[in-house]
Amino acid sequence: MIVVNLDRVLVDRKVKSKDLAKKIGLSENNLSRIKTNNIRAMRFSTLNGLCRELGCKPGDILDYIPDEDD
């Protein structure tokens, strides 16, 4: 399972969701969905914008946790 750790990265970087959404051209609602791991897919352009604005790598935002049946 892929887990999104965006909320943790935002806290670490002291960035408000509202400000980040505006900078990367995403609605606050869509950013909230990403933060709560309530998405099925993410565009690379969105991931690129998140990493650019937060000064991080994709691995800081995304994590892999093996399913129990793996």
Protein backbone atom coordinates (compact mmCIF):
# COMPACT_ATOMS: atom_id res chain seq x y z
CA MET A 1 0.00 0.00 0.00
CA ILE A 2 1.22 3.49 -0.82
CA VAL A 3 0.83 5.96 2.05
CA VAL A 4 0.92 9.74 1.66
CA ASN A 5 2.85 11.58 4.40
CA LEU A 6 2.15 15.07 3.10
CA ASP A 7 0.62 16.25 6.37
CA ARG A 8 3.85 15.40 8.23
CA VAL A 9 6.00 17.15 5.60
CA LEU A 10 3.81 20.26 5.82
CA VAL A 11 4.22 20.38 9.61
CA ASP A 12 7.99 19.82 9.36
CA ARG A 13 8.33 22.62 6.81
CA LYS A 14 5.82 24.90 8.61
CA VAL A 15 3.79 25.34 5.41
CA LYS A 16 0.03 25.91 5.39
CA SER A 17 -2.05 23.74 3.07
CA LYS A 18 -3.82 26.80 1.71
CA ASP A 19 -0.54 28.45 0.73
CA LEU A 20 0.85 25.29 -0.85
CA ALA A 21 -2.30 24.66 -2.87
CA LYS A 22 -2.15 28.17 -4.27
CA LYS A 23 1.55 27.90 -5.18
CA ILE A 24 1.13 24.65 -7.12
CA GLY A 25 -2.21 25.54 -8.71
CA LEU A 26 -4.29 22.93 -6.91
CA SER A 27 -7.60 23.42 -5.15
CA GLU A 28 -7.52 23.22 -1.36
CA ASN A 29 -10.04 20.39 -1.61
CA ASN A 30 -7.80 18.32 -3.88
CA LEU A 31 -4.77 18.97 -1.68
CA SER A 32 -6.80 17.86 1.32
CA ARG A 33 -7.67 14.63 -0.48
CA ILE A 34 -3.98 13.99 -1.12
CA LYS A 35 -3.11 14.73 2.54
CA THR A 36 -5.72 12.28 3.80
CA ASN A 37 -4.61 9.55 1.37
CA ASN A 38 -8.06 9.70 -0.22
CA ILE A 39 -6.82 9.47 -3.81
CA ARG A 40 -6.37 6.71 -6.35
CA ALA A 41 -3.72 8.46 -8.44
CA MET A 42 -1.54 11.54 -8.53
CA ARG A 43 -0.13 13.28 -11.57
CA PHE A 44 3.62 13.55 -11.78
CA SER A 45 3.18 17.27 -12.35
CA THR A 46 1.40 17.52 -8.98
CA LEU A 47 4.11 15.47 -7.26
CA ASN A 48 6.74 17.64 -8.94
CA GLY A 49 5.04 20.81 -7.69
CA LEU A 50 4.79 19.45 -4.15
CA CYS A 51 8.47 18.49 -4.11
CA ARG A 52 9.55 21.79 -5.66
CA GLU A 53 7.63 23.95 -3.18
CA LEU A 54 8.44 21.82 -0.14
CA GLY A 55 12.10 21.26 -1.02
CA CYS A 56 11.79 17.51 -0.68
CA LYS A 57 11.94 14.27 -2.66
CA PRO A 58 8.99 12.03 -3.60
CA GLY A 59 10.10 9.53 -0.95
CA ASP A 60 9.54 12.17 1.72
CA ILE A 61 5.89 12.41 0.69
CA LEU A 62 5.14 8.84 -0.38
CA ASP A 63 5.85 5.64 1.53
CA TYR A 64 5.30 1.97 0.73
CA ILE A 65 3.91 -0.41 3.32
CA PRO A 66 3.58 -4.05 2.22
CA ASP A 67 0.08 -5.48 2.40
CA GLU A 68 -0.34 -8.25 4.95
CA ASP A 69 -1.00 -10.80 2.19
CA ASP A 70 2.27 -9.93 0.37
